[in-house]
Amino acid sequence: MTREIILYTTKDGKCPIKEFLDSLPNKVFQKITWVLQIVKELDKIPTVYFKKIVNSNDIWECRISFASNIYRIFCFFQNGNIIILTHGLIKKTQKIPHDEINKAEDYKKDYLRRLK
């Protein structure tokens, strides 16, 4: 199974995930690219890299560890095999900030509304 990955863009042309990726050191970017390749190609993605966020509106997180940091990329599925990446953050605490989940849900709503 091959999945397609799309970068979410706001109505006014901003791309939060691209801005996040562009802000990262090259080695971190390379590791994220490698993990996203796994997400695209493997039928069963290991949960160490990819899992659904509990108590969210079907928002998933792609998790990338590099050095002592954990990078999180928020995303959702469209039609089962298209993954829309919304935005990312460097996670400092165990718990994901609730406003980050809300932001991903808002991006999802906006994307699906404009898709119609």
PDB file of N, CA and C in Angstrom:
ATOM      1  N   MET A   1       0.847  -1.199   0.000  1.00  0.00           N
ATOM      2  CA  MET A   1       0.000   0.000   0.000  1.00  0.00           C
ATOM      3  C   MET A   1       0.880   1.246   0.000  1.00  0.00           C
ATOM      4  N   THR A   2       0.610   2.134  -0.895  1.00  0.00           N
ATOM      5  CA  THR A   2       1.321   3.409  -0.887  1.00  0.00           C
ATOM      6  C   THR A   2       0.336   4.496  -0.507  1.00  0.00           C
ATOM      7  N   ARG A   3       0.753   5.317   0.438  1.00  0.00           N
ATOM      8  CA  ARG A   3      -0.070   6.449   0.835  1.00  0.00           C
ATOM      9  C   ARG A   3       0.503   7.705   0.185  1.00  0.00           C
ATOM     10  N   GLU A   4      -0.364   8.668  -0.024  1.00  0.00           N
ATOM     11  CA  GLU A   4       0.070   9.953  -0.551  1.00  0.00           C
ATOM     12  C   GLU A   4       0.134  10.933   0.609  1.00  0.00           C
ATOM     13  N   ILE A   5       1.147  11.788   0.615  1.00  0.00           N
ATOM     14  CA  ILE A   5       1.263  12.798   1.678  1.00  0.00           C
ATOM     15  C   ILE A   5       1.109  14.178   1.059  1.00  0.00           C
ATOM     16  N   ILE A   6       0.209  14.959   1.638  1.00  0.00           N
ATOM     17  CA  ILE A   6      -0.075  16.318   1.170  1.00  0.00           C
ATOM     18  C   ILE A   6       0.182  17.287   2.325  1.00  0.00           C
ATOM     19  N   LEU A   7       0.753  18.442   2.005  1.00  0.00           N
ATOM     20  CA  LEU A   7       0.983  19.480   3.008  1.00  0.00           C
ATOM     21  C   LEU A   7      -0.222  20.417   3.017  1.00  0.00           C
ATOM     22  N   TYR A   8      -0.834  20.577   4.184  1.00  0.00           N
ATOM     23  CA  TYR A   8      -1.990  21.464   4.335  1.00  0.00           C
ATOM     24  C   TYR A   8      -1.569  22.909   4.101  1.00  0.00           C
ATOM     25  N   THR A   9      -2.388  23.626   3.345  1.00  0.00           N
ATOM     26  CA  THR A   9      -2.176  25.052   3.109  1.00  0.00           C
ATOM     27  C   THR A   9      -3.446  25.795   3.497  1.00  0.00           C
ATOM     28  N   THR A  10      -3.299  26.906   4.201  1.00  0.00           N
ATOM     29  CA  THR A  10      -4.472  27.687   4.616  1.00  0.00           C
ATOM     30  C   THR A  10      -5.075  28.390   3.399  1.00  0.00           C
ATOM     31  N   LYS A  11      -6.258  28.964   3.604  1.00  0.00           N
ATOM     32  CA  LYS A  11      -6.958  29.658   2.525  1.00  0.00           C
ATOM     33  C   LYS A  11      -6.109  30.808   1.967  1.00  0.00           C
ATOM     34  N   ASP A  12      -5.342  31.457   2.849  1.00  0.00           N
ATOM     35  CA  ASP A  12      -4.517  32.585   2.388  1.00  0.00           C
ATOM     36  C   ASP A  12      -3.099  32.167   1.962  1.00  0.00           C
ATOM     37  N   GLY A  13      -2.917  30.856   1.736  1.00  0.00           N
ATOM     38  CA  GLY A  13      -1.660  30.396   1.151  1.00  0.00           C
ATOM     39  C   GLY A  13      -0.530  30.049   2.109  1.00  0.00           C
ATOM     40  N   LYS A  14      -0.790  30.143   3.421  1.00  0.00           N
ATOM     41  CA  LYS A  14       0.240  29.759   4.391  1.00  0.00           C
ATOM     42  C   LYS A  14       0.319  28.229   4.485  1.00  0.00           C
ATOM     43  N   CYS A  15       1.530  27.713   4.729  1.00  0.00           N
ATOM     44  CA  CYS A  15       1.701  26.269   4.882  1.00  0.00           C
ATOM     45  C   CYS A  15       2.435  26.017   6.199  1.00  0.00           C
ATOM     46  N   PRO A  16       1.673  25.860   7.307  1.00  0.00           N
ATOM     47  CA  PRO A  16       2.283  25.729   8.640  1.00  0.00           C
ATOM     48  C   PRO A  16       3.312  24.597   8.738  1.00  0.00           C
ATOM     49  N   ILE A  17       3.048  23.465   8.090  1.00  0.00           N
ATOM     50  CA  ILE A  17       3.986  22.345   8.193  1.00  0.00           C
ATOM     51  C   ILE A  17       5.280  22.647   7.444  1.00  0.00           C
ATOM     52  N   LYS A  18       5.177  23.332   6.308  1.00  0.00           N
ATOM     53  CA  LYS A  18       6.382  23.688   5.559  1.00  0.00           C
ATOM     54  C   LYS A  18       7.223  24.681   6.364  1.00  0.00           C
ATOM     55  N   GLU A  19       6.544  25.643   7.004  1.00  0.00           N
ATOM     56  CA  GLU A  19       7.257  26.617   7.845  1.00  0.00           C
ATOM     57  C   GLU A  19       7.991  25.905   8.977  1.00  0.00           C
ATOM     58  N   PHE A  20       7.328  24.909   9.575  1.00  0.00           N
ATOM     59  CA  PHE A  20       7.950  24.143  10.652  1.00  0.00           C
ATOM     60  C   PHE A  20       9.165  23.378  10.127  1.00  0.00           C
ATOM     61  N   LEU A  21       8.985  22.648   9.025  1.00  0.00           N
ATOM     62  CA  LEU A  21      10.085  21.853   8.463  1.00  0.00           C
ATOM     63  C   LEU A  21      11.261  22.730   8.040  1.00  0.00           C
ATOM     64  N   ASP A  22      10.951  23.894   7.464  1.00  0.00           N
ATOM     65  CA  ASP A  22      12.013  24.814   7.023  1.00  0.00           C
ATOM     66  C   ASP A  22      12.822  25.374   8.187  1.00  0.00           C
ATOM     67  N   SER A  23      12.227  25.364   9.388  1.00  0.00           N
ATOM     68  CA  SER A  23      12.907  25.932  10.561  1.00  0.00           C
ATOM     69  C   SER A  23      13.880  24.945  11.210  1.00  0.00           C
ATOM     70  N   LEU A  24      13.866  23.687  10.763  1.00  0.00           N
ATOM     71  CA  LEU A  24      14.643  22.643  11.422  1.00  0.00           C
ATOM     72  C   LEU A  24      16.043  22.483  10.818  1.00  0.00           C
ATOM     73  N   PRO A  25      16.994  22.006  11.638  1.00  0.00           N
ATOM     74  CA  PRO A  25      18.325  21.696  11.098  1.00  0.00           C
ATOM     75  C   PRO A  25      18.214  20.586  10.041  1.00  0.00           C
ATOM     76  N   ASN A  26      19.135  20.575   9.102  1.00  0.00           N
ATOM     77  CA  ASN A  26      19.097  19.640   7.981  1.00  0.00           C
ATOM     78  C   ASN A  26      19.036  18.176   8.412  1.00  0.00           C
ATOM     79  N   LYS A  27      19.813  17.805   9.437  1.00  0.00           N
ATOM     80  CA  LYS A  27      19.828  16.400   9.874  1.00  0.00           C
ATOM     81  C   LYS A  27      18.469  15.973  10.423  1.00  0.00           C
ATOM     82  N   VAL A  28      17.793  16.874  11.131  1.00  0.00           N
ATOM     83  CA  VAL A  28      16.446  16.587  11.653  1.00  0.00           C
ATOM     84  C   VAL A  28      15.481  16.452  10.482  1.00  0.00           C
ATOM     85  N   PHE A  29      15.574  17.353   9.525  1.00  0.00           N
ATOM     86  CA  PHE A  29      14.725  17.303   8.335  1.00  0.00           C
ATOM     87  C   PHE A  29      14.896  15.969   7.599  1.00  0.00           C
ATOM     88  N   GLN A  30      16.135  15.508   7.486  1.00  0.00           N
ATOM     89  CA  GLN A  30      16.409  14.229   6.820  1.00  0.00           C
ATOM     90  C   GLN A  30      15.760  13.066   7.561  1.00  0.00           C
ATOM     91  N   LYS A  31      15.828  13.090   8.884  1.00  0.00           N
ATOM     92  CA  LYS A  31      15.218  12.017   9.680  1.00  0.00           C
ATOM     93  C   LYS A  31      13.695  12.041   9.514  1.00  0.00           C
ATOM     94  N   ILE A  32      13.110  13.236   9.528  1.00  0.00           N
ATOM     95  CA  ILE A  32      11.659  13.362   9.343  1.00  0.00           C
ATOM     96  C   ILE A  32      11.263  12.822   7.966  1.00  0.00           C
ATOM     97  N   THR A  33      12.029  13.164   6.948  1.00  0.00           N
ATOM     98  CA  THR A  33      11.766  12.675   5.594  1.00  0.00           C
ATOM     99  C   THR A  33      11.810  11.151   5.554  1.00  0.00           C
ATOM    100  N   TRP A  34      12.773  10.572   6.253  1.00  0.00           N
ATOM    101  CA  TRP A  34      12.912   9.117   6.324  1.00  0.00           C
ATOM    102  C   TRP A  34      11.681   8.481   6.993  1.00  0.00           C
ATOM    103  N   VAL A  35      11.239   9.059   8.119  1.00  0.00           N
ATOM    104  CA  VAL A  35      10.064   8.532   8.829  1.00  0.00           C
ATOM    105  C   VAL A  35       8.812   8.673   7.956  1.00  0.00           C
ATOM    106  N   LEU A  36       8.671   9.806   7.272  1.00  0.00           N
ATOM    107  CA  LEU A  36       7.505   9.996   6.406  1.00  0.00           C
ATOM    108  C   LEU A  36       7.494   8.982   5.255  1.00  0.00           C
ATOM    109  N   GLN A  37       8.673   8.591   4.801  1.00  0.00           N
ATOM    110  CA  GLN A  37       8.776   7.562   3.761  1.00  0.00           C
ATOM    111  C   GLN A  37       8.237   6.221   4.282  1.00  0.00           C
ATOM    112  N   ILE A  38       8.563   5.909   5.535  1.00  0.00           N
ATOM    113  CA  ILE A  38       8.041   4.691   6.185  1.00  0.00           C
ATOM    114  C   ILE A  38       6.512   4.761   6.252  1.00  0.00           C
ATOM    115  N   VAL A  39       6.001   5.927   6.666  1.00  0.00           N
ATOM    116  CA  VAL A  39       4.554   6.126   6.784  1.00  0.00           C
ATOM    117  C   VAL A  39       3.889   5.936   5.413  1.00  0.00           C
ATOM    118  N   LYS A  40       4.540   6.410   4.366  1.00  0.00           N
ATOM    119  CA  LYS A  40       3.994   6.290   3.008  1.00  0.00           C
ATOM    120  C   LYS A  40       3.956   4.845   2.527  1.00  0.00           C
ATOM    121  N   GLU A  41       4.997   4.072   2.835  1.00  0.00           N
ATOM    122  CA  GLU A  41       5.189   2.789   2.170  1.00  0.00           C
ATOM    123  C   GLU A  41       4.755   1.547   2.944  1.00  0.00           C
ATOM    124  N   LEU A  42       4.905   1.553   4.262  1.00  0.00           N
ATOM    125  CA  LEU A  42       4.601   0.335   5.011  1.00  0.00           C
ATOM    126  C   LEU A  42       3.092   0.137   5.180  1.00  0.00           C
ATOM    127  N   ASP A  43       2.638  -1.107   5.011  1.00  0.00           N
ATOM    128  CA  ASP A  43       1.229  -1.417   5.249  1.00  0.00           C
ATOM    129  C   ASP A  43       0.869  -1.169   6.706  1.00  0.00           C
ATOM    130  N   LYS A  44       1.722  -1.671   7.599  1.00  0.00           N
ATOM    131  CA  LYS A  44       1.501  -1.500   9.035  1.00  0.00           C
ATOM    132  C   LYS A  44       2.619  -0.620   9.586  1.00  0.00           C
ATOM    133  N   ILE A  45       2.256   0.609   9.950  1.00  0.00           N
ATOM    134  CA  ILE A  45       3.244   1.566  10.434  1.00  0.00           C
ATOM    135  C   ILE A  45       3.483   1.324  11.925  1.00  0.00           C
ATOM    136  N   PRO A  46       4.742   1.163  12.345  1.00  0.00           N
ATOM    137  CA  PRO A  46       5.015   0.971  13.786  1.00  0.00           C
ATOM    138  C   PRO A  46       4.502   2.167  14.598  1.00  0.00           C
ATOM    139  N   THR A  47       3.863   1.875  15.739  1.00  0.00           N
ATOM    140  CA  THR A  47       3.298   2.953  16.561  1.00  0.00           C
ATOM    141  C   THR A  47       4.363   3.872  17.141  1.00  0.00           C
ATOM    142  N   VAL A  48       5.608   3.445  17.129  1.00  0.00           N
ATOM    143  CA  VAL A  48       6.664   4.333  17.599  1.00  0.00           C
ATOM    144  C   VAL A  48       6.754   5.570  16.682  1.00  0.00           C
ATOM    145  N   TYR A  49       6.317   5.412  15.438  1.00  0.00           N
ATOM    146  CA  TYR A  49       6.365   6.518  14.468  1.00  0.00           C
ATOM    147  C   TYR A  49       5.021   7.185  14.207  1.00  0.00           C
ATOM    148  N   PHE A  50       3.937   6.463  14.449  1.00  0.00           N
ATOM    149  CA  PHE A  50       2.657   6.972  13.966  1.00  0.00           C
ATOM    150  C   PHE A  50       1.527   6.432  14.816  1.00  0.00           C
ATOM    151  N   LYS A  51       0.726   7.324  15.406  1.00  0.00           N
ATOM    152  CA  LYS A  51      -0.441   6.838  16.141  1.00  0.00           C
ATOM    153  C   LYS A  51      -1.516   7.893  16.261  1.00  0.00           C
ATOM    154  N   LYS A  52      -2.729   7.384  16.487  1.00  0.00           N
ATOM    155  CA  LYS A  52      -3.897   8.255  16.625  1.00  0.00           C
ATOM    156  C   LYS A  52      -3.831   8.960  17.980  1.00  0.00           C
ATOM    157  N   ILE A  53      -4.207  10.213  17.984  1.00  0.00           N
ATOM    158  CA  ILE A  53      -4.233  10.971  19.241  1.00  0.00           C
ATOM    159  C   ILE A  53      -5.568  10.700  19.925  1.00  0.00           C
ATOM    160  N   VAL A  54      -5.497  10.191  21.134  1.00  0.00           N
ATOM    161  CA  VAL A  54      -6.690   9.860  21.914  1.00  0.00           C
ATOM    162  C   VAL A  54      -7.481  11.138  22.190  1.00  0.00           C
ATOM    163  N   ASN A  55      -8.811  11.008  22.191  1.00  0.00           N
ATOM    164  CA  ASN A  55      -9.718  12.140  22.444  1.00  0.00           C
ATOM    165  C   ASN A  55      -9.550  13.273  21.432  1.00  0.00           C
ATOM    166  N   SER A  56      -9.298  12.921  20.178  1.00  0.00           N
ATOM    167  CA  SER A  56      -9.235  13.926  19.121  1.00  0.00           C
ATOM    168  C   SER A  56     -10.216  13.529  18.030  1.00  0.00           C
ATOM    169  N   ASN A  57     -10.484  14.458  17.122  1.00  0.00           N
ATOM    170  CA  ASN A  57     -11.371  14.194  16.001  1.00  0.00           C
ATOM    171  C   ASN A  57     -10.568  13.537  14.872  1.00  0.00           C
ATOM    172  N   ASP A  58     -10.106  12.316  15.128  1.00  0.00           N
ATOM    173  CA  ASP A  58      -9.354  11.528  14.155  1.00  0.00           C
ATOM    174  C   ASP A  58      -8.071  12.224  13.696  1.00  0.00           C
ATOM    175  N   ILE A  59      -7.370  12.828  14.653  1.00  0.00           N
ATOM    176  CA  ILE A  59      -6.069  13.451  14.377  1.00  0.00           C
ATOM    177  C   ILE A  59      -4.992  12.442  14.763  1.00  0.00           C
ATOM    178  N   TRP A  60      -3.969  12.345  13.932  1.00  0.00           N
ATOM    179  CA  TRP A  60      -2.858  11.430  14.154  1.00  0.00           C
ATOM    180  C   TRP A  60      -1.591  12.227  14.376  1.00  0.00           C
ATOM    181  N   GLU A  61      -0.594  11.572  14.950  1.00  0.00           N
ATOM    182  CA  GLU A  61       0.701  12.237  15.087  1.00  0.00           C
ATOM    183  C   GLU A  61       1.784  11.329  14.533  1.00  0.00           C
ATOM    184  N   CYS A  62       2.700  11.966  13.841  1.00  0.00           N
ATOM    185  CA  CYS A  62       3.884  11.289  13.349  1.00  0.00           C
ATOM    186  C   CYS A  62       4.990  11.721  14.313  1.00  0.00           C
ATOM    187  N   ARG A  63       5.681  10.740  14.905  1.00  0.00           N
ATOM    188  CA  ARG A  63       6.647  11.040  15.960  1.00  0.00           C
ATOM    189  C   ARG A  63       8.056  10.740  15.469  1.00  0.00           C
ATOM    190  N   ILE A  64       8.921  11.713  15.628  1.00  0.00           N
ATOM    191  CA  ILE A  64      10.299  11.552  15.185  1.00  0.00           C
ATOM    192  C   ILE A  64      11.224  11.923  16.337  1.00  0.00           C
ATOM    193  N   SER A  65      12.086  10.986  16.728  1.00  0.00           N
ATOM    194  CA  SER A  65      13.072  11.268  17.773  1.00  0.00           C
ATOM    195  C   SER A  65      14.396  11.593  17.100  1.00  0.00           C
ATOM    196  N   PHE A  66      15.026  12.642  17.582  1.00  0.00           N
ATOM    197  CA  PHE A  66      16.352  12.987  17.078  1.00  0.00           C
ATOM    198  C   PHE A  66      17.122  13.637  18.202  1.00  0.00           C
ATOM    199  N   ALA A  67      18.325  13.104  18.468  1.00  0.00           N
ATOM    200  CA  ALA A  67      19.120  13.551  19.618  1.00  0.00           C
ATOM    201  C   ALA A  67      18.215  13.428  20.854  1.00  0.00           C
ATOM    202  N   SER A  68      18.063  14.505  21.611  1.00  0.00           N
ATOM    203  CA  SER A  68      17.222  14.389  22.812  1.00  0.00           C
ATOM    204  C   SER A  68      15.839  14.992  22.594  1.00  0.00           C
ATOM    205  N   ASN A  69      15.521  15.361  21.358  1.00  0.00           N
ATOM    206  CA  ASN A  69      14.219  15.978  21.071  1.00  0.00           C
ATOM    207  C   ASN A  69      13.253  14.998  20.430  1.00  0.00           C
ATOM    208  N   ILE A  70      11.968  15.269  20.637  1.00  0.00           N
ATOM    209  CA  ILE A  70      10.923  14.526  19.943  1.00  0.00           C
ATOM    210  C   ILE A  70      10.132  15.542  19.124  1.00  0.00           C
ATOM    211  N   TYR A  71      10.052  15.276  17.842  1.00  0.00           N
ATOM    212  CA  TYR A  71       9.324  16.144  16.924  1.00  0.00           C
ATOM    213  C   TYR A  71       7.982  15.490  16.636  1.00  0.00           C
ATOM    214  N   ARG A  72       6.926  16.288  16.650  1.00  0.00           N
ATOM    215  CA  ARG A  72       5.585  15.774  16.395  1.00  0.00           C
ATOM    216  C   ARG A  72       5.021  16.498  15.184  1.00  0.00           C
ATOM    217  N   ILE A  73       4.478  15.708  14.268  1.00  0.00           N
ATOM    218  CA  ILE A  73       3.792  16.285  13.117  1.00  0.00           C
ATOM    219  C   ILE A  73       2.347  15.806  13.184  1.00  0.00           C
ATOM    220  N   PHE A  74       1.430  16.760  13.173  1.00  0.00           N
ATOM    221  CA  PHE A  74       0.009  16.442  13.258  1.00  0.00           C
ATOM    222  C   PHE A  74      -0.541  16.223  11.857  1.00  0.00           C
ATOM    223  N   CYS A  75      -1.478  15.274  11.744  1.00  0.00           N
ATOM    224  CA  CYS A  75      -2.023  14.961  10.432  1.00  0.00           C
ATOM    225  C   CYS A  75      -3.374  14.281  10.563  1.00  0.00           C
ATOM    226  N   PHE A  76      -4.020  14.086   9.417  1.00  0.00           N
ATOM    227  CA  PHE A  76      -5.279  13.341   9.363  1.00  0.00           C
ATOM    228  C   PHE A  76      -5.369  12.660   8.010  1.00  0.00           C
ATOM    229  N   PHE A  77      -6.286  11.703   7.918  1.00  0.00           N
ATOM    230  CA  PHE A  77      -6.465  10.944   6.681  1.00  0.00           C
ATOM    231  C   PHE A  77      -7.608  11.513   5.863  1.00  0.00           C
ATOM    232  N   GLN A  78      -7.446  11.432   4.548  1.00  0.00           N
ATOM    233  CA  GLN A  78      -8.532  11.734   3.620  1.00  0.00           C
ATOM    234  C   GLN A  78      -8.671  10.511   2.726  1.00  0.00           C
ATOM    235  N   ASN A  79      -9.865   9.963   2.611  1.00  0.00           N
ATOM    236  CA  ASN A  79     -10.127   8.774   1.779  1.00  0.00           C
ATOM    237  C   ASN A  79      -9.250   7.578   2.132  1.00  0.00           C
ATOM    238  N   GLY A  80      -8.799   7.476   3.359  1.00  0.00           N
ATOM    239  CA  GLY A  80      -8.076   6.290   3.797  1.00  0.00           C
ATOM    240  C   GLY A  80      -6.611   6.189   3.421  1.00  0.00           C
ATOM    241  N   ASN A  81      -6.201   6.735   2.286  1.00  0.00           N
ATOM    242  CA  ASN A  81      -4.795   6.565   1.909  1.00  0.00           C
ATOM    243  C   ASN A  81      -4.067   7.875   1.619  1.00  0.00           C
ATOM    244  N   ILE A  82      -4.734   9.007   1.838  1.00  0.00           N
ATOM    245  CA  ILE A  82      -4.082  10.304   1.685  1.00  0.00           C
ATOM    246  C   ILE A  82      -3.904  10.882   3.089  1.00  0.00           C
ATOM    247  N   ILE A  83      -2.670  11.268   3.404  1.00  0.00           N
ATOM    248  CA  ILE A  83      -2.377  11.844   4.720  1.00  0.00           C
ATOM    249  C   ILE A  83      -2.094  13.330   4.525  1.00  0.00           C
ATOM    250  N   ILE A  84      -2.837  14.151   5.255  1.00  0.00           N
ATOM    251  CA  ILE A  84      -2.655  15.595   5.192  1.00  0.00           C
ATOM    252  C   ILE A  84      -1.861  16.014   6.423  1.00  0.00           C
ATOM    253  N   LEU A  85      -0.647  16.542   6.218  1.00  0.00           N
ATOM    254  CA  LEU A  85       0.177  17.031   7.332  1.00  0.00           C
ATOM    255  C   LEU A  85      -0.225  18.476   7.614  1.00  0.00           C
ATOM    256  N   THR A  86      -0.544  18.782   8.883  1.00  0.00           N
ATOM    257  CA  THR A  86      -1.011  20.133   9.203  1.00  0.00           C
ATOM    258  C   THR A  86       0.097  21.024   9.759  1.00  0.00           C
ATOM    259  N   HIS A  87       0.691  20.609  10.857  1.00  0.00           N
ATOM    260  CA  HIS A  87       1.733  21.440  11.484  1.00  0.00           C
ATOM    261  C   HIS A  87       2.562  20.557  12.407  1.00  0.00           C
ATOM    262  N   GLY A  88       3.633  21.117  12.942  1.00  0.00           N
ATOM    263  CA  GLY A  88       4.494  20.337  13.810  1.00  0.00           C
ATOM    264  C   GLY A  88       4.971  21.131  15.002  1.00  0.00           C
ATOM    265  N   LEU A  89       5.602  20.410  15.928  1.00  0.00           N
ATOM    266  CA  LEU A  89       6.191  21.061  17.093  1.00  0.00           C
ATOM    267  C   LEU A  89       7.288  20.178  17.661  1.00  0.00           C
ATOM    268  N   ILE A  90       8.134  20.808  18.436  1.00  0.00           N
ATOM    269  CA  ILE A  90       9.140  20.057  19.187  1.00  0.00           C
ATOM    270  C   ILE A  90       8.527  19.849  20.560  1.00  0.00           C
ATOM    271  N   LYS A  91       8.358  18.588  20.934  1.00  0.00           N
ATOM    272  CA  LYS A  91       7.624  18.274  22.154  1.00  0.00           C
ATOM    273  C   LYS A  91       8.552  18.258  23.362  1.00  0.00           C
ATOM    274  N   LYS A  92       8.214  19.035  24.352  1.00  0.00           N
ATOM    275  CA  LYS A  92       9.027  19.147  25.560  1.00  0.00           C
ATOM    276  C   LYS A  92       8.440  18.353  26.725  1.00  0.00           C
ATOM    277  N   THR A  93       7.123  18.112  26.680  1.00  0.00           N
ATOM    278  CA  THR A  93       6.475  17.435  27.804  1.00  0.00           C
ATOM    279  C   THR A  93       5.838  16.132  27.331  1.00  0.00           C
ATOM    280  N   GLN A  94       5.404  15.324  28.262  1.00  0.00           N
ATOM    281  CA  GLN A  94       4.784  14.043  27.948  1.00  0.00           C
ATOM    282  C   GLN A  94       3.443  14.251  27.248  1.00  0.00           C
ATOM    283  N   LYS A  95       2.690  15.249  27.704  1.00  0.00           N
ATOM    284  CA  LYS A  95       1.340  15.457  27.202  1.00  0.00           C
ATOM    285  C   LYS A  95       1.354  16.456  26.048  1.00  0.00           C
ATOM    286  N   ILE A  96       0.568  16.167  25.017  1.00  0.00           N
ATOM    287  CA  ILE A  96       0.462  17.092  23.892  1.00  0.00           C
ATOM    288  C   ILE A  96      -0.413  18.267  24.324  1.00  0.00           C
ATOM    289  N   PRO A  97       0.050  19.507  24.119  1.00  0.00           N
ATOM    290  CA  PRO A  97      -0.788  20.672  24.473  1.00  0.00           C
ATOM    291  C   PRO A  97      -2.127  20.603  23.732  1.00  0.00           C
ATOM    292  N   HIS A  98      -3.204  20.803  24.483  1.00  0.00           N
ATOM    293  CA  HIS A  98      -4.550  20.662  23.909  1.00  0.00           C
ATOM    294  C   HIS A  98      -4.798  21.648  22.772  1.00  0.00           C
ATOM    295  N   ASP A  99      -4.216  22.855  22.866  1.00  0.00           N
ATOM    296  CA  ASP A  99      -4.434  23.827  21.790  1.00  0.00           C
ATOM    297  C   ASP A  99      -3.778  23.390  20.477  1.00  0.00           C
ATOM    298  N   GLU A 100      -2.755  22.542  20.549  1.00  0.00           N
ATOM    299  CA  GLU A 100      -2.136  22.011  19.326  1.00  0.00           C
ATOM    300  C   GLU A 100      -3.068  21.006  18.647  1.00  0.00           C
ATOM    301  N   ILE A 101      -3.757  20.200  19.453  1.00  0.00           N
ATOM    302  CA  ILE A 101      -4.738  19.253  18.912  1.00  0.00           C
ATOM    303  C   ILE A 101      -5.900  20.035  18.295  1.00  0.00           C
ATOM    304  N   ASN A 102      -6.358  21.083  19.007  1.00  0.00           N
ATOM    305  CA  ASN A 102      -7.444  21.926  18.487  1.00  0.00           C
ATOM    306  C   ASN A 102      -7.050  22.573  17.161  1.00  0.00           C
ATOM    307  N   LYS A 103      -5.807  23.023  17.076  1.00  0.00           N
ATOM    308  CA  LYS A 103      -5.321  23.655  15.850  1.00  0.00           C
ATOM    309  C   LYS A 103      -5.379  22.650  14.695  1.00  0.00           C
ATOM    310  N   ALA A 104      -4.940  21.414  14.937  1.00  0.00           N
ATOM    311  CA  ALA A 104      -4.980  20.376  13.901  1.00  0.00           C
ATOM    312  C   ALA A 104      -6.431  20.082  13.484  1.00  0.00           C
ATOM    313  N   GLU A 105      -7.327  20.058  14.464  1.00  0.00           N
ATOM    314  CA  GLU A 105      -8.744  19.810  14.154  1.00  0.00           C
ATOM    315  C   GLU A 105      -9.330  20.956  13.334  1.00  0.00           C
ATOM    316  N   ASP A 106      -8.948  22.199  13.649  1.00  0.00           N
ATOM    317  CA  ASP A 106      -9.412  23.359  12.880  1.00  0.00           C
ATOM    318  C   ASP A 106      -8.889  23.295  11.445  1.00  0.00           C
ATOM    319  N   TYR A 107      -7.618  22.943  11.295  1.00  0.00           N
ATOM    320  CA  TYR A 107      -7.035  22.811   9.957  1.00  0.00           C
ATOM    321  C   TYR A 107      -7.770  21.726   9.165  1.00  0.00           C
ATOM    322  N   LYS A 108      -8.098  20.627   9.846  1.00  0.00           N
ATOM    323  CA  LYS A 108      -8.810  19.531   9.185  1.00  0.00           C
ATOM    324  C   LYS A 108     -10.176  20.003   8.692  1.00  0.00           C
ATOM    325  N   LYS A 109     -10.923  20.689   9.579  1.00  0.00           N
ATOM    326  CA  LYS A 109     -12.245  21.210   9.212  1.00  0.00           C
ATOM    327  C   LYS A 109     -12.140  22.140   8.008  1.00  0.00           C
ATOM    328  N   ASP A 110     -11.160  23.039   8.056  1.00  0.00           N
ATOM    329  CA  ASP A 110     -10.958  23.993   6.965  1.00  0.00           C
ATOM    330  C   ASP A 110     -10.636  23.262   5.663  1.00  0.00           C
ATOM    331  N   TYR A 111      -9.743  22.294   5.731  1.00  0.00           N
ATOM    332  CA  TYR A 111      -9.336  21.537   4.538  1.00  0.00           C
ATOM    333  C   TYR A 111     -10.530  20.815   3.910  1.00  0.00           C
ATOM    334  N   LEU A 112     -11.276  20.102   4.745  1.00  0.00           N
ATOM    335  CA  LEU A 112     -12.415  19.324   4.230  1.00  0.00           C
ATOM    336  C   LEU A 112     -13.524  20.236   3.693  1.00  0.00           C
ATOM    337  N   ARG A 113     -13.726  21.400   4.340  1.00  0.00           N
ATOM    338  CA  ARG A 113     -14.747  22.350   3.875  1.00  0.00           C
ATOM    339  C   ARG A 113     -14.358  22.883   2.483  1.00  0.00           C
ATOM    340  N   ARG A 114     -13.072  23.206   2.298  1.00  0.00           N
ATOM    341  CA  ARG A 114     -12.632  23.759   1.016  1.00  0.00           C
ATOM    342  C   ARG A 114     -12.514  22.681  -0.070  1.00  0.00           C
ATOM    343  N   LEU A 115     -12.466  21.424   0.338  1.00  0.00           N
ATOM    344  CA  LEU A 115     -12.365  20.318  -0.607  1.00  0.00           C
ATOM    345  C   LEU A 115     -13.667  20.136  -1.387  1.00  0.00           C
ATOM    346  N   LYS A 116     -14.784  20.471  -0.718  1.00  0.00           N
ATOM    347  CA  LYS A 116     -16.097  20.245  -1.327  1.00  0.00           C
ATOM    348  C   LYS A 116     -16.372  21.204  -2.469  1.00  0.00           C
TER     349      LYS A 116
END
